[in-house]
């Protein structure tokens, strides 16, 4: 899920955290985006086909305000705090939309 580190404070707020909660152990794993970088879309879990529940990746849209640059960040789904393991930078910036995964048929 996405989170806002400035929650509860006055002023504008943007999603700048990617979080995972393990209900069984009550542990959290949170990636904090650098200042001026924001997250958007709906993070998507992509399971490892050989180990669906224990390995996979999370893809999340990002926007760097200083560079005016959009990217899709790829994270190890079970080590979010370690930061992205890959980034796909887009040629043109795109808006931080709510939904990021659609299936075209």
Protein backbone atom coordinates (compact mmCIF):
# COMPACT_ATOMS: atom_id res chain seq x y z
CA UNK A 1 0.00 0.00 0.00
CA UNK A 2 1.03 3.64 -0.35
CA UNK A 3 1.62 5.85 2.67
CA UNK A 4 2.18 9.52 3.47
CA UNK A 5 5.05 10.28 5.85
CA UNK A 6 3.61 13.75 6.59
CA UNK A 7 0.22 12.41 7.70
CA UNK A 8 -1.21 14.47 10.54
CA UNK A 9 0.80 17.57 9.64
CA UNK A 10 -0.64 20.64 7.95
CA UNK A 11 0.08 21.46 4.33
CA UNK A 12 0.08 19.54 1.08
CA UNK A 13 0.77 15.86 1.22
CA UNK A 14 1.78 13.28 -1.33
CA UNK A 15 2.31 9.53 -1.23
CA UNK A 16 5.99 9.00 -0.47
CA UNK A 17 6.02 5.56 1.17
CA UNK A 18 5.48 2.03 -0.05
CA UNK A 19 4.48 -0.27 2.80
CA UNK A 20 3.81 -3.94 3.45
CA UNK A 21 2.30 -5.35 6.63
CA UNK A 22 2.73 -9.00 7.54
CA UNK A 23 -0.48 -9.83 9.37
CA UNK A 24 0.94 -13.06 10.84
CA UNK A 25 3.93 -11.43 12.54
CA UNK A 26 2.61 -7.84 12.77
CA UNK A 27 5.85 -6.60 11.12
CA UNK A 28 5.99 -3.73 8.67
CA UNK A 29 8.36 -3.14 5.78
CA UNK A 30 8.41 0.48 4.53
CA UNK A 31 10.27 2.13 1.66
CA UNK A 32 10.65 5.89 2.14
CA UNK A 33 11.08 7.77 -1.14
CA UNK A 34 13.78 10.46 -1.21
CA UNK A 35 12.61 14.09 -0.72
CA UNK A 36 10.91 15.42 -3.86
CA UNK A 37 10.07 11.97 -5.17
CA UNK A 38 6.49 10.76 -4.96
CA UNK A 39 4.71 7.47 -5.51
CA UNK A 40 1.42 6.92 -7.27
CA UNK A 41 -0.71 4.44 -9.03
CA UNK A 42 -1.72 1.26 -7.34
CA UNK A 43 1.30 -0.88 -6.39
CA UNK A 44 1.09 -4.24 -8.16
CA UNK A 45 2.37 -7.53 -6.74
CA UNK A 46 3.87 -9.82 -9.37
CA UNK A 47 4.31 -13.30 -7.87
CA UNK A 48 7.22 -15.58 -8.68
CA UNK A 49 5.52 -18.41 -10.60
CA UNK A 50 7.58 -20.99 -8.67
CA UNK A 51 6.89 -19.60 -5.19
CA UNK A 52 3.70 -17.53 -5.39
CA UNK A 53 3.32 -16.62 -1.71
CA UNK A 54 6.95 -16.29 -0.70
CA UNK A 55 8.71 -14.48 -3.55
CA UNK A 56 7.79 -11.81 -6.03
CA UNK A 57 8.12 -8.19 -7.03
CA UNK A 58 6.12 -5.03 -6.49
CA UNK A 59 5.86 -2.46 -9.30
CA UNK A 60 5.01 1.11 -8.35
CA UNK A 61 4.78 4.35 -10.31
CA UNK A 62 7.04 7.24 -9.22
CA UNK A 63 7.56 10.90 -10.05
CA UNK A 64 10.72 12.93 -9.42
CA UNK A 65 9.61 16.57 -9.09
CA UNK A 66 13.11 18.06 -9.44
CA UNK A 67 13.81 16.19 -12.67
CA UNK A 68 10.16 16.23 -13.88
CA UNK A 69 10.62 12.54 -14.61
CA UNK A 70 8.32 9.53 -14.25
CA UNK A 71 9.38 5.93 -13.76
CA UNK A 72 8.11 2.55 -12.70
CA UNK A 73 10.07 1.20 -9.76
CA UNK A 74 10.50 -2.53 -9.17
CA UNK A 75 10.98 -3.79 -5.60
CA UNK A 76 11.64 -7.16 -4.02
CA UNK A 77 8.17 -7.64 -2.52
CA UNK A 78 9.62 -8.93 0.75
CA UNK A 79 12.36 -6.29 1.15
CA UNK A 80 10.72 -2.95 0.33
CA UNK A 81 12.88 -0.93 2.72
CA UNK A 82 15.97 -1.94 0.72
CA UNK A 83 14.70 0.27 -2.10
CA UNK A 84 14.03 -0.44 -5.75
CA UNK A 85 15.98 -3.19 -7.50
CA UNK A 86 15.21 -1.66 -10.90
CA UNK A 87 13.68 1.46 -12.43
CA UNK A 88 12.13 1.95 -15.85
CA UNK A 89 12.29 5.66 -16.67
CA UNK A 90 9.68 6.94 -19.10
CA UNK A 91 10.40 9.31 -21.99
CA UNK A 92 7.76 11.76 -20.80
CA UNK A 93 6.33 12.37 -17.33
CA UNK A 94 2.89 10.98 -16.62
CA UNK A 95 0.38 11.96 -13.91
CA UNK A 96 0.35 10.03 -10.64
CA UNK A 97 -2.87 8.15 -11.24
CA UNK A 98 -4.64 5.93 -8.73
CA UNK A 99 -4.85 2.69 -10.72
CA UNK A 100 -1.78 1.31 -12.45
CA UNK A 101 -2.82 -2.13 -13.65
CA UNK A 102 -5.39 -2.84 -16.30
CA UNK A 103 -5.86 -5.94 -18.39
CA UNK A 104 -6.55 -5.38 -22.07
CA UNK A 105 -8.38 -8.13 -23.86
